[in-house]
Amino acid sequence: MSLGDILETEIQGEIARIRADGQARADQIVAQAQERARTMVDSRQRALQSDYAAGLTRARSAADLDANAQRLSAGDTLQVQAFQAAEQTLQEVTTVAEYPQILARLIDEGLQALPSAQVVEAASAEHAAVHQALAQLGRSLDVRVNEQVKTGVRLVGEGGKTSVQNTLLGRLNAGRADLSAQVSRLLAEQ
């Protein structure tokens, strides 16, 4: 073997070793890059899953708020309708045969609060019932027209300085807050 062959064999060996070292180094670099890429992908996936979960939670919360708002709106609408129906029914009570007895109670309660009453005011459509109620009570008071007083009476004291109003619609309005709570509770139970 000649010196050239020996040198070539050593050079080939050195080249093979350098290639092997280079390949090992390249494999190591590729493995590290792949590990970093996997770590980045995993981290990004976790971040996306977290963002997705947070977005889903926000969407559910928004949907719950919207549903609650719609329920409240529907409840408010139903409550308004309930009070309108109650007012309509109370206005229709003025046409039933028992209305003079109802007026008698309203007048009697008014007289307990204002015993010196001299005048009873009521809507003109209710005057016949007012006269019947006064007859039931054995009382004689002047009856005057006041179209603002419906579904009941307004008793006026001597000289017109004091008065007491006692109407069915007035009672409904006075109890509206308490009734609203009860209506809301009933609507929530359904």
N, C-alpha and C. Protein backbone atom coordinates (compact mmCIF):
# COMPACT_ATOMS: atom_id res chain seq x y z
N MET A 1 0.82 -1.13 0.00
CA MET A 1 0.00 0.00 0.00
C MET A 1 0.90 1.23 0.00
N SER A 2 0.51 2.09 -0.79
CA SER A 2 1.35 3.24 -0.96
C SER A 2 0.93 4.34 0.01
N LEU A 3 1.79 5.28 0.09
CA LEU A 3 1.55 6.39 1.00
C LEU A 3 0.28 7.12 0.59
N GLY A 4 0.05 7.26 -0.67
CA GLY A 4 -1.16 7.92 -1.17
C GLY A 4 -2.40 7.14 -0.76
N ASP A 5 -2.29 5.77 -0.81
CA ASP A 5 -3.44 4.95 -0.43
C ASP A 5 -3.72 5.08 1.07
N ILE A 6 -2.63 5.11 1.83
CA ILE A 6 -2.80 5.22 3.28
C ILE A 6 -3.43 6.57 3.61
N LEU A 7 -2.93 7.63 2.98
CA LEU A 7 -3.48 8.96 3.24
C LEU A 7 -4.95 9.03 2.80
N GLU A 8 -5.19 8.41 1.65
CA GLU A 8 -6.58 8.43 1.18
C GLU A 8 -7.48 7.66 2.12
N THR A 9 -7.00 6.53 2.65
CA THR A 9 -7.79 5.75 3.59
C THR A 9 -8.02 6.57 4.86
N GLU A 10 -7.00 7.26 5.32
CA GLU A 10 -7.16 8.08 6.53
C GLU A 10 -8.11 9.24 6.25
N ILE A 11 -7.96 9.83 5.09
CA ILE A 11 -8.82 10.96 4.73
C ILE A 11 -10.27 10.47 4.64
N GLN A 12 -10.44 9.30 4.00
CA GLN A 12 -11.80 8.73 3.88
C GLN A 12 -12.35 8.43 5.27
N GLY A 13 -11.49 7.91 6.15
CA GLY A 13 -11.92 7.64 7.52
C GLY A 13 -12.29 8.92 8.26
N GLU A 14 -11.42 9.95 8.05
CA GLU A 14 -11.68 11.24 8.69
C GLU A 14 -12.98 11.83 8.14
N ILE A 15 -13.19 11.72 6.83
CA ILE A 15 -14.41 12.23 6.20
C ILE A 15 -15.63 11.48 6.76
N ALA A 16 -15.50 10.15 6.88
CA ALA A 16 -16.61 9.34 7.42
C ALA A 16 -16.90 9.73 8.85
N ARG A 17 -15.83 9.94 9.65
CA ARG A 17 -16.02 10.34 11.03
C ARG A 17 -16.66 11.73 11.10
N ILE A 18 -16.21 12.66 10.28
CA ILE A 18 -16.77 14.01 10.25
C ILE A 18 -18.24 13.94 9.82
N ARG A 19 -18.48 13.10 8.79
CA ARG A 19 -19.87 12.92 8.35
C ARG A 19 -20.72 12.34 9.48
N ALA A 20 -20.18 11.33 10.16
CA ALA A 20 -20.92 10.70 11.25
C ALA A 20 -21.17 11.71 12.37
N ASP A 21 -20.12 12.51 12.71
CA ASP A 21 -20.28 13.56 13.73
C ASP A 21 -21.30 14.60 13.26
N GLY A 22 -21.21 14.97 12.00
CA GLY A 22 -22.14 15.95 11.42
C GLY A 22 -23.57 15.41 11.44
N GLN A 23 -23.67 14.12 11.04
CA GLN A 23 -25.00 13.51 11.04
C GLN A 23 -25.56 13.43 12.46
N ALA A 24 -24.70 13.05 13.41
CA ALA A 24 -25.14 12.97 14.81
C ALA A 24 -25.55 14.35 15.32
N ARG A 25 -24.74 15.34 14.95
CA ARG A 25 -25.04 16.72 15.38
C ARG A 25 -26.34 17.19 14.71
N ALA A 26 -26.51 16.88 13.42
CA ALA A 26 -27.72 17.25 12.69
C ALA A 26 -28.94 16.54 13.31
N ASP A 27 -28.77 15.26 13.62
CA ASP A 27 -29.87 14.51 14.25
C ASP A 27 -30.24 15.13 15.60
N GLN A 28 -29.22 15.52 16.34
CA GLN A 28 -29.45 16.15 17.65
C GLN A 28 -30.18 17.48 17.47
N ILE A 29 -29.74 18.29 16.50
CA ILE A 29 -30.38 19.59 16.23
C ILE A 29 -31.82 19.38 15.79
N VAL A 30 -32.05 18.40 14.90
CA VAL A 30 -33.41 18.10 14.44
C VAL A 30 -34.27 17.64 15.61
N ALA A 31 -33.74 16.78 16.48
CA ALA A 31 -34.49 16.28 17.63
C ALA A 31 -34.85 17.44 18.57
N GLN A 32 -33.89 18.33 18.82
CA GLN A 32 -34.16 19.49 19.67
C GLN A 32 -35.21 20.40 19.03
N ALA A 33 -35.09 20.62 17.72
CA ALA A 33 -36.07 21.46 17.02
C ALA A 33 -37.46 20.84 17.07
N GLN A 34 -37.52 19.51 16.88
CA GLN A 34 -38.80 18.82 16.93
C GLN A 34 -39.39 18.91 18.34
N GLU A 35 -38.55 18.77 19.35
CA GLU A 35 -39.03 18.88 20.74
C GLU A 35 -39.55 20.30 21.01
N ARG A 36 -38.79 21.30 20.55
CA ARG A 36 -39.26 22.69 20.72
C ARG A 36 -40.56 22.92 19.96
N ALA A 37 -40.66 22.37 18.79
CA ALA A 37 -41.89 22.53 17.99
C ALA A 37 -43.06 21.84 18.68
N ARG A 38 -42.83 20.62 19.21
CA ARG A 38 -43.89 19.92 19.95
C ARG A 38 -44.31 20.73 21.17
N THR A 39 -43.34 21.28 21.89
CA THR A 39 -43.63 22.09 23.08
C THR A 39 -44.44 23.32 22.69
N MET A 40 -44.03 23.97 21.60
CA MET A 40 -44.76 25.16 21.13
C MET A 40 -46.18 24.79 20.69
N VAL A 41 -46.30 23.68 19.95
CA VAL A 41 -47.63 23.24 19.49
C VAL A 41 -48.50 22.89 20.70
N ASP A 42 -47.94 22.15 21.67
CA ASP A 42 -48.70 21.79 22.87
C ASP A 42 -49.13 23.05 23.63
N SER A 43 -48.20 23.98 23.77
CA SER A 43 -48.49 25.22 24.49
C SER A 43 -49.59 25.99 23.76
N ARG A 44 -49.47 26.08 22.45
CA ARG A 44 -50.47 26.80 21.65
C ARG A 44 -51.84 26.11 21.73
N GLN A 45 -51.83 24.76 21.70
CA GLN A 45 -53.08 24.01 21.80
C GLN A 45 -53.73 24.26 23.17
N ARG A 46 -52.91 24.26 24.23
CA ARG A 46 -53.45 24.53 25.56
C ARG A 46 -54.04 25.95 25.61
N ALA A 47 -53.32 26.90 25.02
CA ALA A 47 -53.80 28.29 25.01
C ALA A 47 -55.11 28.39 24.21
N LEU A 48 -55.17 27.71 23.07
CA LEU A 48 -56.39 27.72 22.26
C LEU A 48 -57.54 27.05 23.00
N GLN A 49 -57.25 25.92 23.67
CA GLN A 49 -58.30 25.25 24.44
C GLN A 49 -58.79 26.13 25.58
N SER A 50 -57.84 26.82 26.22
CA SER A 50 -58.21 27.73 27.30
C SER A 50 -59.06 28.88 26.75
N ASP A 51 -58.64 29.46 25.62
CA ASP A 51 -59.41 30.53 24.99
C ASP A 51 -60.79 30.03 24.58
N TYR A 52 -60.86 28.81 24.04
CA TYR A 52 -62.13 28.22 23.62
C TYR A 52 -63.04 28.04 24.84
N ALA A 53 -62.48 27.50 25.93
CA ALA A 53 -63.28 27.28 27.15
C ALA A 53 -63.76 28.62 27.71
N ALA A 54 -62.87 29.63 27.71
CA ALA A 54 -63.27 30.96 28.21
C ALA A 54 -64.35 31.56 27.31
N GLY A 55 -64.18 31.41 26.00
CA GLY A 55 -65.19 31.92 25.06
C GLY A 55 -66.52 31.21 25.24
N LEU A 56 -66.45 29.90 25.44
CA LEU A 56 -67.67 29.12 25.66
C LEU A 56 -68.36 29.56 26.96
N THR A 57 -67.56 29.78 28.00
CA THR A 57 -68.11 30.25 29.27
C THR A 57 -68.76 31.63 29.09
N ARG A 58 -68.09 32.53 28.36
CA ARG A 58 -68.66 33.86 28.12
C ARG A 58 -69.95 33.74 27.31
N ALA A 59 -69.93 32.87 26.31
CA ALA A 59 -71.14 32.70 25.49
C ALA A 59 -72.29 32.14 26.32
N ARG A 60 -71.98 31.17 27.18
CA ARG A 60 -73.03 30.61 28.05
C ARG A 60 -73.56 31.67 29.01
N SER A 61 -72.64 32.46 29.57
CA SER A 61 -73.07 33.52 30.49
C SER A 61 -73.94 34.54 29.76
N ALA A 62 -73.52 34.91 28.55
CA ALA A 62 -74.31 35.86 27.77
C ALA A 62 -75.67 35.27 27.44
N ALA A 63 -75.70 34.00 27.10
CA ALA A 63 -76.98 33.33 26.79
C ALA A 63 -77.86 33.27 28.04
N ASP A 64 -77.25 32.97 29.19
CA ASP A 64 -78.02 32.94 30.44
C ASP A 64 -78.58 34.32 30.78
N LEU A 65 -77.74 35.36 30.61
CA LEU A 65 -78.20 36.72 30.87
C LEU A 65 -79.34 37.10 29.92
N ASP A 66 -79.17 36.74 28.65
CA ASP A 66 -80.21 37.03 27.67
C ASP A 66 -81.50 36.30 28.01
N ALA A 67 -81.37 35.02 28.38
CA ALA A 67 -82.56 34.24 28.74
C ALA A 67 -83.23 34.84 29.97
N ASN A 68 -82.44 35.24 30.96
CA ASN A 68 -83.01 35.86 32.16
C ASN A 68 -83.68 37.19 31.82
N ALA A 69 -83.04 37.96 30.95
CA ALA A 69 -83.63 39.23 30.54
C ALA A 69 -84.95 39.00 29.82
N GLN A 70 -84.98 37.99 28.96
CA GLN A 70 -86.22 37.68 28.25
C GLN A 70 -87.30 37.19 29.22
N ARG A 71 -86.89 36.38 30.20
CA ARG A 71 -87.84 35.92 31.21
C ARG A 71 -88.40 37.09 32.00
N LEU A 72 -87.51 38.02 32.40
CA LEU A 72 -87.96 39.20 33.14
C LEU A 72 -88.89 40.05 32.29
N SER A 73 -88.52 40.23 31.03
CA SER A 73 -89.35 41.02 30.13
C SER A 73 -90.71 40.36 29.96
N ALA A 74 -90.70 39.05 29.76
CA ALA A 74 -91.97 38.33 29.62
C ALA A 74 -92.77 38.43 30.91
N GLY A 75 -92.08 38.31 32.05
CA GLY A 75 -92.75 38.43 33.34
C GLY A 75 -93.35 39.82 33.51
N ASP A 76 -92.57 40.86 33.12
CA ASP A 76 -93.09 42.22 33.21
C ASP A 76 -94.31 42.39 32.32
N THR A 77 -94.23 41.85 31.11
CA THR A 77 -95.35 41.94 30.18
C THR A 77 -96.57 41.23 30.75
N LEU A 78 -96.35 40.03 31.29
CA LEU A 78 -97.47 39.29 31.88
C LEU A 78 -98.03 40.02 33.10
N GLN A 79 -97.14 40.65 33.86
CA GLN A 79 -97.58 41.37 35.04
C GLN A 79 -98.43 42.58 34.63
N VAL A 80 -97.98 43.29 33.60
CA VAL A 80 -98.75 44.43 33.10
C VAL A 80 -100.12 43.95 32.63
N GLN A 81 -100.13 42.84 31.90
CA GLN A 81 -101.39 42.28 31.41
C GLN A 81 -102.29 41.86 32.58
N ALA A 82 -101.69 41.29 33.62
CA ALA A 82 -102.47 40.86 34.78
C ALA A 82 -103.13 42.06 35.45
N PHE A 83 -102.37 43.16 35.61
CA PHE A 83 -102.95 44.35 36.24
C PHE A 83 -103.99 45.00 35.34
N GLN A 84 -103.76 44.97 34.03
CA GLN A 84 -104.76 45.51 33.11
C GLN A 84 -106.05 44.69 33.18
N ALA A 85 -105.90 43.38 33.26
CA ALA A 85 -107.08 42.51 33.38
C ALA A 85 -107.80 42.77 34.69
N ALA A 86 -107.04 42.95 35.76
CA ALA A 86 -107.64 43.24 37.08
C ALA A 86 -108.40 44.57 37.04
N GLU A 87 -107.78 45.59 36.42
CA GLU A 87 -108.45 46.89 36.32
C GLU A 87 -109.73 46.77 35.50
N GLN A 88 -109.66 46.04 34.41
CA GLN A 88 -110.84 45.83 33.56
C GLN A 88 -111.96 45.14 34.35
N THR A 89 -111.58 44.11 35.10
CA THR A 89 -112.56 43.38 35.91
C THR A 89 -113.18 44.29 36.96
N LEU A 90 -112.35 45.11 37.62
CA LEU A 90 -112.88 46.02 38.64
C LEU A 90 -113.82 47.06 38.02
N GLN A 91 -113.51 47.52 36.82
CA GLN A 91 -114.40 48.47 36.15
C GLN A 91 -115.72 47.80 35.76
N GLU A 92 -115.66 46.52 35.43
CA GLU A 92 -116.87 45.79 35.07
C GLU A 92 -117.73 45.48 36.30
N VAL A 93 -117.11 45.47 37.48
CA VAL A 93 -117.84 45.19 38.72
C VAL A 93 -118.95 46.22 38.93
N THR A 94 -118.74 47.42 38.40
CA THR A 94 -119.74 48.48 38.61
C THR A 94 -121.07 48.16 37.95
N THR A 95 -121.12 47.14 37.10
CA THR A 95 -122.37 46.79 36.42
C THR A 95 -123.06 45.57 37.02
N VAL A 96 -122.47 44.94 38.01
CA VAL A 96 -123.08 43.74 38.59
C VAL A 96 -124.11 44.14 39.65
N ALA A 97 -125.04 43.25 39.91
CA ALA A 97 -126.13 43.54 40.85
C ALA A 97 -125.62 43.75 42.27
N GLU A 98 -124.47 43.14 42.62
CA GLU A 98 -123.94 43.25 43.97
C GLU A 98 -123.14 44.53 44.20
N TYR A 99 -122.99 45.36 43.19
CA TYR A 99 -122.16 46.56 43.32
C TYR A 99 -122.65 47.50 44.42
N PRO A 100 -123.95 47.71 44.61
CA PRO A 100 -124.37 48.59 45.72
C PRO A 100 -123.89 48.09 47.08
N GLN A 101 -123.82 46.76 47.27
CA GLN A 101 -123.32 46.24 48.55
C GLN A 101 -121.83 46.52 48.69
N ILE A 102 -121.10 46.43 47.58
CA ILE A 102 -119.66 46.75 47.62
C ILE A 102 -119.49 48.23 47.96
N LEU A 103 -120.30 49.08 47.31
CA LEU A 103 -120.23 50.52 47.59
C LEU A 103 -120.60 50.81 49.05
N ALA A 104 -121.57 50.07 49.58
CA ALA A 104 -121.95 50.28 50.98
C ALA A 104 -120.76 50.05 51.90
N ARG A 105 -119.99 49.02 51.62
CA ARG A 105 -118.78 48.76 52.45
C ARG A 105 -117.75 49.88 52.28
N LEU A 106 -117.56 50.30 51.03
CA LEU A 106 -116.59 51.38 50.78
C LEU A 106 -117.03 52.67 51.47
N ILE A 107 -118.31 52.98 51.38
CA ILE A 107 -118.83 54.20 52.04
C ILE A 107 -118.69 54.07 53.56
N ASP A 108 -119.05 52.92 54.11
CA ASP A 108 -118.95 52.71 55.56
C ASP A 108 -117.51 52.88 56.03
N GLU A 109 -116.54 52.29 55.29
CA GLU A 109 -115.13 52.46 55.67
C GLU A 109 -114.73 53.93 55.59
N GLY A 110 -115.21 54.63 54.56
CA GLY A 110 -114.91 56.05 54.41
C GLY A 110 -115.50 56.86 55.55
N LEU A 111 -116.71 56.51 55.98
CA LEU A 111 -117.35 57.22 57.09
C LEU A 111 -116.64 56.97 58.42
N GLN A 112 -116.03 55.81 58.55
CA GLN A 112 -115.25 55.55 59.77
C GLN A 112 -114.02 56.45 59.81
N ALA A 113 -113.44 56.73 58.65
CA ALA A 113 -112.27 57.61 58.60
C ALA A 113 -112.68 59.09 58.64
N LEU A 114 -113.87 59.40 58.10
CA LEU A 114 -114.34 60.79 58.05
C LEU A 114 -115.81 60.82 58.44
N PRO A 115 -116.12 60.71 59.75
CA PRO A 115 -117.52 60.64 60.19
C PRO A 115 -118.32 61.91 59.88
N SER A 116 -117.66 63.04 59.67
CA SER A 116 -118.37 64.30 59.41
C SER A 116 -118.66 64.51 57.92
N ALA A 117 -118.51 63.47 57.11
CA ALA A 117 -118.73 63.60 55.67
C ALA A 117 -120.16 64.04 55.39
N GLN A 118 -120.30 64.95 54.42
CA GLN A 118 -121.61 65.46 54.05
C GLN A 118 -121.96 65.16 52.59
N VAL A 119 -120.91 64.84 51.79
CA VAL A 119 -121.11 64.65 50.35
C VAL A 119 -120.43 63.36 49.93
N VAL A 120 -121.08 62.66 49.01
CA VAL A 120 -120.47 61.49 48.38
C VAL A 120 -120.29 61.83 46.90
N GLU A 121 -119.06 61.73 46.44
CA GLU A 121 -118.80 61.97 45.01
C GLU A 121 -118.54 60.63 44.34
N ALA A 122 -119.07 60.50 43.12
CA ALA A 122 -118.86 59.28 42.33
C ALA A 122 -119.10 59.61 40.87
N ALA A 123 -118.63 58.72 40.00
CA ALA A 123 -118.89 58.87 38.57
C ALA A 123 -120.40 58.79 38.35
N SER A 124 -120.90 59.53 37.38
CA SER A 124 -122.35 59.60 37.15
C SER A 124 -122.94 58.23 36.85
N ALA A 125 -122.20 57.35 36.21
CA ALA A 125 -122.71 56.02 35.89
C ALA A 125 -122.93 55.19 37.15
N GLU A 126 -122.34 55.59 38.27
CA GLU A 126 -122.45 54.82 39.50
C GLU A 126 -123.42 55.43 40.51
N HIS A 127 -124.10 56.51 40.15
CA HIS A 127 -124.97 57.20 41.11
C HIS A 127 -126.12 56.34 41.61
N ALA A 128 -126.74 55.57 40.74
CA ALA A 128 -127.85 54.72 41.19
C ALA A 128 -127.36 53.74 42.26
N ALA A 129 -126.20 53.15 42.04
CA ALA A 129 -125.63 52.21 43.01
C ALA A 129 -125.27 52.93 44.30
N VAL A 130 -124.78 54.17 44.20
CA VAL A 130 -124.43 54.95 45.40
C VAL A 130 -125.70 55.21 46.22
N HIS A 131 -126.79 55.60 45.57
CA HIS A 131 -128.04 55.85 46.30
C HIS A 131 -128.53 54.57 46.97
N GLN A 132 -128.43 53.43 46.30
CA GLN A 132 -128.83 52.15 46.90
C GLN A 132 -127.94 51.84 48.12
N ALA A 133 -126.65 52.08 47.99
CA ALA A 133 -125.71 51.80 49.09
C ALA A 133 -126.04 52.69 50.29
N LEU A 134 -126.30 53.95 50.04
CA LEU A 134 -126.65 54.86 51.15
C LEU A 134 -127.94 54.41 51.82
N ALA A 135 -128.90 53.94 51.04
CA ALA A 135 -130.16 53.45 51.60
C ALA A 135 -129.91 52.22 52.48
N GLN A 136 -129.01 51.33 52.01
CA GLN A 136 -128.67 50.14 52.81
C GLN A 136 -128.05 50.54 54.14
N LEU A 137 -127.24 51.61 54.11
CA LEU A 137 -126.57 52.07 55.33
C LEU A 137 -127.49 52.95 56.19
N GLY A 138 -128.63 53.36 55.65
CA GLY A 138 -129.53 54.24 56.39
C GLY A 138 -128.94 55.63 56.52
N ARG A 139 -128.16 56.06 55.55
CA ARG A 139 -127.51 57.38 55.59
C ARG A 139 -128.07 58.26 54.48
N SER A 140 -128.10 59.54 54.74
CA SER A 140 -128.56 60.50 53.74
C SER A 140 -127.45 61.52 53.53
N LEU A 141 -126.77 61.42 52.43
CA LEU A 141 -125.70 62.36 52.08
C LEU A 141 -125.96 62.88 50.67
N ASP A 142 -125.48 64.09 50.42
CA ASP A 142 -125.59 64.62 49.06
C ASP A 142 -124.71 63.77 48.15
N VAL A 143 -125.20 63.51 46.96
CA VAL A 143 -124.43 62.74 45.97
C VAL A 143 -124.12 63.68 44.82
N ARG A 144 -122.81 63.81 44.52
CA ARG A 144 -122.37 64.70 43.44
C ARG A 144 -121.57 63.93 42.40
N VAL A 145 -121.56 64.49 41.20
CA VAL A 145 -120.83 63.87 40.09
C VAL A 145 -119.36 64.27 40.17
N ASN A 146 -118.50 63.27 40.09
CA ASN A 146 -117.06 63.48 39.96
C ASN A 146 -116.55 62.33 39.08
N GLU A 147 -116.37 62.63 37.80
CA GLU A 147 -116.00 61.58 36.84
C GLU A 147 -114.59 61.03 37.09
N GLN A 148 -113.85 61.66 37.95
CA GLN A 148 -112.51 61.17 38.30
C GLN A 148 -112.58 60.02 39.31
N VAL A 149 -113.73 59.89 39.98
CA VAL A 149 -113.90 58.87 41.01
C VAL A 149 -114.69 57.72 40.40
N LYS A 150 -113.97 56.66 40.06
CA LYS A 150 -114.61 55.49 39.45
C LYS A 150 -114.34 54.26 40.31
N THR A 151 -115.27 53.34 40.30
CA THR A 151 -115.22 52.09 41.07
C THR A 151 -115.20 52.34 42.58
N GLY A 152 -115.88 53.38 43.00
CA GLY A 152 -115.93 53.68 44.43
C GLY A 152 -116.45 55.08 44.66
N VAL A 153 -116.05 55.63 45.81
CA VAL A 153 -116.58 56.93 46.22
C VAL A 153 -115.47 57.81 46.80
N ARG A 154 -115.81 59.09 46.86
CA ARG A 154 -114.99 60.07 47.57
C ARG A 154 -115.93 60.78 48.53
N LEU A 155 -115.65 60.68 49.81
CA LEU A 155 -116.46 61.36 50.81
C LEU A 155 -115.81 62.71 51.12
N VAL A 156 -116.64 63.73 51.15
CA VAL A 156 -116.14 65.08 51.37
C VAL A 156 -116.74 65.60 52.67
N GLY A 157 -115.87 66.15 53.52
CA GLY A 157 -116.30 66.69 54.82
C GLY A 157 -116.91 68.07 54.69
N GLU A 158 -117.32 68.60 55.81
CA GLU A 158 -117.97 69.91 55.87
C GLU A 158 -117.07 70.98 55.27
N GLY A 159 -117.63 71.76 54.37
CA GLY A 159 -116.87 72.84 53.74
C GLY A 159 -115.92 72.35 52.65
N GLY A 160 -115.85 71.09 52.43
CA GLY A 160 -115.00 70.54 51.36
C GLY A 160 -113.51 70.57 51.67
N LYS A 161 -113.15 70.80 52.94
CA LYS A 161 -111.74 70.91 53.30
C LYS A 161 -111.07 69.55 53.48
N THR A 162 -111.87 68.57 53.85
CA THR A 162 -111.31 67.23 54.04
C THR A 162 -112.06 66.23 53.16
N SER A 163 -111.35 65.21 52.77
CA SER A 163 -112.01 64.18 51.97
C SER A 163 -111.28 62.86 52.13
N VAL A 164 -112.01 61.79 51.83
CA VAL A 164 -111.46 60.43 51.85
C VAL A 164 -111.95 59.75 50.59
N GLN A 165 -111.02 59.22 49.85
CA GLN A 165 -111.39 58.48 48.64
C GLN A 165 -111.20 57.00 48.89
N ASN A 166 -112.20 56.20 48.52
CA ASN A 166 -112.15 54.76 48.72
C ASN A 166 -112.73 54.09 47.47
N THR A 167 -111.82 53.66 46.60
CA THR A 167 -112.25 53.03 45.34
C THR A 167 -111.54 51.69 45.17
N LEU A 168 -112.14 50.85 44.37
CA LEU A 168 -111.54 49.54 44.09
C LEU A 168 -110.23 49.71 43.30
N LEU A 169 -110.25 50.60 42.31
CA LEU A 169 -109.02 50.84 41.54
C LEU A 169 -107.93 51.45 42.42
N GLY A 170 -108.33 52.32 43.35
CA GLY A 170 -107.37 52.91 44.28
C GLY A 170 -106.73 51.85 45.15
N ARG A 171 -107.53 50.90 45.59
CA ARG A 171 -107.00 49.81 46.41
C ARG A 171 -106.03 48.94 45.61
N LEU A 172 -106.40 48.68 44.35
CA LEU A 172 -105.50 47.90 43.49
C LEU A 172 -104.17 48.63 43.34
N ASN A 173 -104.23 49.93 43.07
CA ASN A 173 -102.99 50.70 42.91
C ASN A 173 -102.19 50.78 44.21
N ALA A 174 -102.89 50.90 45.33
CA ALA A 174 -102.20 50.97 46.62
C ALA A 174 -101.49 49.65 46.93
N GLY A 175 -102.08 48.55 46.52
CA GLY A 175 -101.47 47.24 46.80
C GLY A 175 -100.61 46.71 45.68
N ARG A 176 -100.36 47.53 44.67
CA ARG A 176 -99.62 47.08 43.48
C ARG A 176 -98.24 46.52 43.82
N ALA A 177 -97.51 47.13 44.72
CA ALA A 177 -96.16 46.64 45.05
C ALA A 177 -96.22 45.23 45.62
N ASP A 178 -97.10 45.04 46.61
CA ASP A 178 -97.23 43.70 47.20
C ASP A 178 -97.76 42.70 46.20
N LEU A 179 -98.74 43.13 45.42
CA LEU A 179 -99.31 42.23 44.42
C LEU A 179 -98.29 41.89 43.33
N SER A 180 -97.45 42.87 42.98
CA SER A 180 -96.42 42.62 41.96
C SER A 180 -95.47 41.52 42.41
N ALA A 181 -95.10 41.55 43.68
CA ALA A 181 -94.21 40.51 44.21
C ALA A 181 -94.89 39.15 44.14
N GLN A 182 -96.16 39.11 44.48
CA GLN A 182 -96.89 37.83 44.44
C GLN A 182 -97.06 37.35 43.00
N VAL A 183 -97.36 38.26 42.08
CA VAL A 183 -97.51 37.88 40.67
C VAL A 183 -96.17 37.36 40.14
N SER A 184 -95.09 38.05 40.48
CA SER A 184 -93.75 37.60 40.04
C SER A 184 -93.45 36.21 40.56
N ARG A 185 -93.77 35.97 41.82
CA ARG A 185 -93.53 34.65 42.41
C ARG A 185 -94.35 33.59 41.69
N LEU A 186 -95.61 33.89 41.40
CA LEU A 186 -96.47 32.94 40.69
C LEU A 186 -95.95 32.66 39.28
N LEU A 187 -95.48 33.70 38.61
CA LEU A 187 -94.94 33.53 37.26
C LEU A 187 -93.66 32.72 37.28
N ALA A 188 -92.85 32.90 38.31
CA ALA A 188 -91.59 32.15 38.41
C ALA A 188 -91.84 30.68 38.67
N GLU A 189 -92.94 30.37 39.35
CA GLU A 189 -93.26 28.97 39.66
C GLU A 189 -93.74 28.21 38.46
N GLN A 190 -94.18 28.90 37.43
CA GLN A 190 -94.72 28.20 36.25
C GLN A 190 -93.64 27.78 35.31
